């Protein structure tokens, strides 16, 4: 084998892996050079979106998923009294609704929290990749499972964690997800979250979230301002929240993982 060929392929793969979406998928399943190239070609229509803009509205029938390349967004639902509940944060590398091609409509809304760079990933292309590239299929399926695991952790937080530990756990989770794509390592990295956004996430009133953040600041676990939160000592905050990142499946996977049985493909059918 010509070693220069292998070296060239490695350079190409490393360059393509600078895309945070591809990098995050690769943290959940082995992707070879052809997989990475196929994903890169599938992403199209990169655009810049201002903060506070809806990307998807509940009930819509989009023909493509959005992928966050830079910035923060959220999934949310509105309740009858006009209040908002944030049900997920979306950070660089996340797909907004990779599974919606099965449902044929959006079951929640997606909005930007900061200025974002986004790319479109057509649902037809998702189906083609899932059907022809098992590595990508496995990575996409694991991403959907992680979304469910995150929701479970948030439910546990609301139901069984004290408010301060619940909020601390959410902050730790966001930092872990950012670090999986090479972000958030800078000293005093600022998470661009506001008190109202955290209140909508934790199911707390604005007064209650203010007190929770004040207590965390008093204990030296966080620093915060009007539109940011930073963590002086991540490990200390993780210990306080009893945070275990294993549910995020960010540690990578074996090239040939053990079979996991029958899984539904992106069209809702069953495949082995």
Protein backbone atom coordinates (compact mmCIF):
# COMPACT_ATOMS: atom_id res chain seq x y z
CA UNK A 1 0.00 0.00 0.00
CA UNK A 2 1.23 3.49 -0.89
CA UNK A 3 1.57 5.24 2.49
CA UNK A 4 1.18 8.62 0.79
CA UNK A 5 -2.37 7.64 -0.21
CA UNK A 6 -3.30 6.87 3.38
CA UNK A 7 -1.73 10.11 4.55
CA UNK A 8 -3.65 12.09 1.91
CA UNK A 9 -6.94 10.43 2.90
CA UNK A 10 -6.26 11.26 6.54
CA UNK A 11 -5.63 14.91 5.65
CA UNK A 12 -8.83 15.07 3.60
CA UNK A 13 -10.84 13.46 6.38
CA UNK A 14 -9.41 15.79 9.03
CA UNK A 15 -10.22 18.83 6.90
CA UNK A 16 -13.78 17.65 6.31
CA UNK A 17 -14.20 16.81 9.99
CA UNK A 18 -13.91 20.51 10.80
CA UNK A 19 -17.63 20.57 10.08
CA UNK A 20 -19.15 20.27 13.59
CA UNK A 21 -22.12 18.16 12.40
CA UNK A 22 -19.83 15.58 10.82
CA UNK A 23 -17.53 15.68 13.82
CA UNK A 24 -20.40 15.00 16.22
CA UNK A 25 -21.72 12.11 14.14
CA UNK A 26 -18.22 10.66 14.07
CA UNK A 27 -18.14 10.76 17.86
CA UNK A 28 -21.08 8.33 17.90
CA UNK A 29 -20.12 5.90 15.15
CA UNK A 30 -17.12 5.18 12.96
CA UNK A 31 -17.22 7.17 9.69
CA UNK A 32 -14.82 6.42 6.87
CA UNK A 33 -13.56 8.90 4.27
CA UNK A 34 -16.42 8.14 1.87
CA UNK A 35 -19.00 8.59 4.64
CA UNK A 36 -17.56 11.97 5.53
CA UNK A 37 -17.50 13.05 1.89
CA UNK A 38 -21.12 11.96 1.38
CA UNK A 39 -22.25 13.94 4.42
CA UNK A 40 -20.39 17.02 3.30
CA UNK A 41 -21.97 16.86 -0.15
CA UNK A 42 -25.44 16.36 1.37
CA UNK A 43 -25.30 19.60 3.35
CA UNK A 44 -26.46 22.52 1.23
CA UNK A 45 -27.76 26.08 1.35
CA UNK A 46 -25.64 27.44 4.18
CA UNK A 47 -27.17 30.68 5.47
CA UNK A 48 -26.83 33.17 8.29
CA UNK A 49 -29.82 33.74 10.58
CA UNK A 50 -30.23 36.46 13.19
CA UNK A 51 -31.07 35.75 16.83
CA UNK A 52 -34.70 35.33 17.77
CA UNK A 53 -35.84 33.90 14.43
CA UNK A 54 -38.05 30.83 13.99
CA UNK A 55 -36.49 28.20 11.74
CA UNK A 56 -39.42 25.80 12.01
CA UNK A 57 -42.91 26.28 13.40
CA UNK A 58 -44.93 23.50 15.02
CA UNK A 59 -47.26 21.90 12.50
CA UNK A 60 -45.19 22.82 9.44
CA UNK A 61 -44.14 20.17 6.91
CA UNK A 62 -40.54 21.06 5.99
CA UNK A 63 -38.67 19.14 3.30
CA UNK A 64 -35.27 19.50 4.96
CA UNK A 65 -33.71 19.43 8.40
CA UNK A 66 -31.50 22.27 9.55
CA UNK A 67 -28.01 21.66 10.91
CA UNK A 68 -26.43 24.17 13.30
CA UNK A 69 -22.90 25.00 12.16
CA UNK A 70 -22.41 27.96 14.51
CA UNK A 71 -24.48 29.57 17.23
CA UNK A 72 -27.22 28.43 19.62
CA UNK A 73 -30.84 27.53 18.93
CA UNK A 74 -33.61 25.72 20.80
CA UNK A 75 -36.62 23.50 20.33
CA UNK A 76 -39.67 24.89 22.08
CA UNK A 77 -43.40 24.50 22.54
CA UNK A 78 -45.96 27.13 23.42
CA UNK A 79 -48.55 26.47 26.11
CA UNK A 80 -52.15 27.80 25.93
CA UNK A 81 -51.45 30.80 28.16
CA UNK A 82 -48.71 31.97 25.79
CA UNK A 83 -45.79 30.71 27.88
CA UNK A 84 -42.85 28.94 26.28
CA UNK A 85 -41.21 25.70 27.30
CA UNK A 86 -37.73 25.04 25.91
CA UNK A 87 -37.43 21.28 25.36
CA UNK A 88 -33.90 21.16 23.89
CA UNK A 89 -30.88 23.33 23.21
CA UNK A 90 -29.18 23.04 19.83
CA UNK A 91 -25.47 23.78 19.62
CA UNK A 92 -22.96 23.58 16.76
CA UNK A 93 -23.05 20.08 15.30
CA UNK A 94 -26.70 19.41 16.11
CA UNK A 95 -29.42 18.60 13.62
CA UNK A 96 -32.67 20.37 14.45
CA UNK A 97 -35.05 17.57 13.41
CA UNK A 98 -33.28 14.69 11.73
CA UNK A 99 -36.21 12.35 12.42
CA UNK A 100 -39.06 14.55 11.18
CA UNK A 101 -39.10 12.87 7.77
CA UNK A 102 -40.86 9.98 9.50
CA UNK A 103 -43.54 12.21 11.04
CA UNK A 104 -44.10 14.43 7.99
CA UNK A 105 -44.66 17.46 10.21
CA UNK A 106 -42.90 19.39 12.93
CA UNK A 107 -44.10 18.54 16.44
CA UNK A 108 -42.38 21.56 17.98
CA UNK A 109 -40.89 24.86 16.89
CA UNK A 110 -37.19 25.68 16.48
CA UNK A 111 -35.78 29.17 17.01
CA UNK A 112 -32.35 30.76 17.10
CA UNK A 113 -31.12 32.11 20.43
CA UNK A 114 -28.02 33.77 18.96
CA UNK A 115 -26.96 34.59 15.40
CA UNK A 116 -26.53 31.21 13.71
CA UNK A 117 -24.94 29.68 10.66
CA UNK A 118 -27.15 26.86 9.43
CA UNK A 119 -27.14 24.34 6.59
CA UNK A 120 -30.06 22.48 5.07
CA UNK A 121 -30.03 18.67 4.92
CA UNK A 122 -32.90 17.48 2.67
CA UNK A 123 -34.97 14.68 4.16
CA UNK A 124 -34.73 12.74 0.90
CA UNK A 125 -30.95 12.84 1.24
CA UNK A 126 -31.18 11.64 4.85
CA UNK A 127 -33.21 8.64 3.65
CA UNK A 128 -30.68 7.89 0.91
CA UNK A 129 -27.72 8.08 3.29
CA UNK A 130 -29.46 5.91 5.88
CA UNK A 131 -30.30 3.31 3.25
CA UNK A 132 -26.90 3.11 1.55
CA UNK A 133 -24.33 3.95 4.24
CA UNK A 134 -24.63 1.84 7.41
CA UNK A 135 -22.08 3.92 9.33
CA UNK A 136 -24.06 7.11 8.74
CA UNK A 137 -27.30 5.27 9.52
CA UNK A 138 -25.86 4.11 12.85
CA UNK A 139 -24.63 7.62 13.70
CA UNK A 140 -27.99 9.23 12.84
CA UNK A 141 -29.89 6.63 14.84
CA UNK A 142 -27.65 7.14 17.86
CA UNK A 143 -28.17 10.89 17.57
CA UNK A 144 -31.93 10.35 17.81
CA UNK A 145 -31.40 8.10 20.85
CA UNK A 146 -29.29 10.83 22.47
CA UNK A 147 -32.11 13.34 21.95
CA UNK A 148 -34.39 10.98 23.87
CA UNK A 149 -31.77 10.45 26.59
CA UNK A 150 -31.40 14.21 27.03
CA UNK A 151 -35.16 14.59 27.43
CA UNK A 152 -35.12 11.84 30.07
CA UNK A 153 -32.37 13.63 32.01
CA UNK A 154 -34.31 16.89 31.85
CA UNK A 155 -37.44 15.14 33.13
CA UNK A 156 -35.44 13.66 36.00
CA UNK A 157 -34.09 17.13 36.69
CA UNK A 158 -37.54 18.69 36.87
CA UNK A 159 -38.97 15.85 38.92
CA UNK A 160 -36.18 14.83 41.28
CA UNK A 161 -33.29 17.28 41.35
CA UNK A 162 -33.23 20.42 43.42
CA UNK A 163 -33.49 23.56 41.30
CA UNK A 164 -29.82 24.47 41.73
CA UNK A 165 -28.62 20.98 40.76
CA UNK A 166 -31.09 20.87 37.86
CA UNK A 167 -29.73 24.11 36.39
CA UNK A 168 -26.13 23.06 37.08
CA UNK A 169 -26.76 19.76 35.29
CA UNK A 170 -28.10 21.55 32.20
CA UNK A 171 -25.03 23.81 32.12
CA UNK A 172 -22.69 20.83 32.43
CA UNK A 173 -24.51 19.04 29.63
CA UNK A 174 -24.18 22.00 27.29
CA UNK A 175 -20.46 22.30 27.98
CA UNK A 176 -19.96 18.57 27.35
CA UNK A 177 -21.78 18.80 24.03
CA UNK A 178 -19.78 21.84 22.98
CA UNK A 179 -16.47 20.24 23.89
CA UNK A 180 -17.35 17.24 21.74
CA UNK A 181 -16.99 19.53 18.71
CA UNK A 182 -13.93 21.39 19.99
CA UNK A 183 -15.68 24.38 21.57
CA UNK A 184 -16.02 25.69 25.10
CA UNK A 185 -12.47 24.97 26.26
CA UNK A 186 -11.43 28.60 26.61
CA UNK A 187 -11.03 29.92 30.18
CA UNK A 188 -14.30 31.54 31.28
CA UNK A 189 -16.08 30.47 28.09
CA UNK A 190 -19.45 32.24 27.98
CA UNK A 191 -22.60 30.22 27.39
CA UNK A 192 -24.98 32.69 25.70
CA UNK A 193 -27.97 31.92 27.91
CA UNK A 194 -30.32 34.39 29.55
CA UNK A 195 -32.25 34.02 32.81
CA UNK A 196 -35.62 33.86 30.99
CA UNK A 197 -34.30 31.12 28.70
CA UNK A 198 -33.10 29.06 31.65
CA UNK A 199 -36.43 29.66 33.39
CA UNK A 200 -38.26 28.35 30.29
CA UNK A 201 -35.95 25.32 30.32
CA UNK A 202 -36.14 24.42 34.00
CA UNK A 203 -39.85 25.21 34.45
CA UNK A 204 -39.06 27.90 37.01
CA UNK A 205 -40.35 31.41 37.43
CA UNK A 206 -38.06 34.34 36.63
CA UNK A 207 -37.84 35.11 40.33
CA UNK A 208 -36.88 31.52 41.18
CA UNK A 209 -34.22 31.24 38.46
CA UNK A 210 -32.74 34.55 39.64
CA UNK A 211 -32.36 33.10 43.14
CA UNK A 212 -30.90 29.84 41.81
CA UNK A 213 -28.27 31.63 39.75
CA UNK A 214 -27.49 33.93 42.68
CA UNK A 215 -26.88 30.90 44.92
CA UNK A 216 -24.63 29.25 42.31
CA UNK A 217 -22.67 32.49 41.95
CA UNK A 218 -22.38 32.83 45.74
CA UNK A 219 -20.88 29.34 45.94
CA UNK A 220 -18.40 30.17 43.18
CA UNK A 221 -19.83 27.55 40.83
CA UNK A 222 -20.73 29.95 38.02
CA UNK A 223 -20.33 33.53 36.92
CA UNK A 224 -23.17 35.18 35.05
CA UNK A 225 -24.30 38.39 33.41
CA UNK A 226 -27.34 39.59 31.54
CA UNK A 227 -26.78 37.29 28.56
CA UNK A 228 -24.10 34.82 29.58
CA UNK A 229 -23.02 32.15 32.04
CA UNK A 230 -19.44 30.99 32.55
CA UNK A 231 -18.01 28.20 34.69
CA UNK A 232 -14.70 28.84 36.50
CA UNK A 233 -14.18 25.17 37.40
CA UNK A 234 -16.11 22.71 35.24
CA UNK A 235 -15.14 19.65 37.27
CA UNK A 236 -16.36 21.28 40.47
CA UNK A 237 -19.72 22.09 38.87
CA UNK A 238 -19.99 18.53 37.52
CA UNK A 239 -19.36 17.14 41.00
CA UNK A 240 -22.01 19.45 42.45
CA UNK A 241 -24.58 18.41 39.82
CA UNK A 242 -23.47 14.75 39.94
CA UNK A 243 -23.15 14.99 36.17
CA UNK A 244 -22.29 11.87 34.16
CA UNK A 245 -21.98 12.54 30.42
CA UNK A 246 -22.26 8.88 29.36
CA UNK A 247 -25.87 9.33 28.16
CA UNK A 248 -24.59 11.74 25.47
CA UNK A 249 -22.61 8.97 23.68
CA UNK A 250 -19.76 11.36 22.93
CA UNK A 251 -16.80 9.11 23.70
CA UNK A 252 -16.71 7.53 20.25
CA UNK A 253 -17.53 4.01 19.16
CA UNK A 254 -15.71 0.89 18.07
CA UNK A 255 -15.34 0.48 14.33
CA UNK A 256 -17.44 -2.69 14.51
CA UNK A 257 -19.86 -2.28 17.42
CA UNK A 258 -21.93 -5.18 18.62
CA UNK A 259 -25.29 -5.71 16.85
CA UNK A 260 -28.17 -3.85 18.43
CA UNK A 261 -31.01 -5.82 16.87
CA UNK A 262 -33.70 -4.47 14.57
CA UNK A 263 -33.84 -0.73 14.12
CA UNK A 264 -36.33 1.43 12.21
CA UNK A 265 -34.82 3.27 9.28
CA UNK A 266 -35.50 6.92 8.47
CA UNK A 267 -38.71 6.03 6.63
CA UNK A 268 -40.21 4.27 9.65
CA UNK A 269 -39.76 0.75 8.25
CA UNK A 270 -37.85 -1.92 10.11
CA UNK A 271 -34.38 -2.96 9.10
CA UNK A 272 -31.72 -5.23 10.57
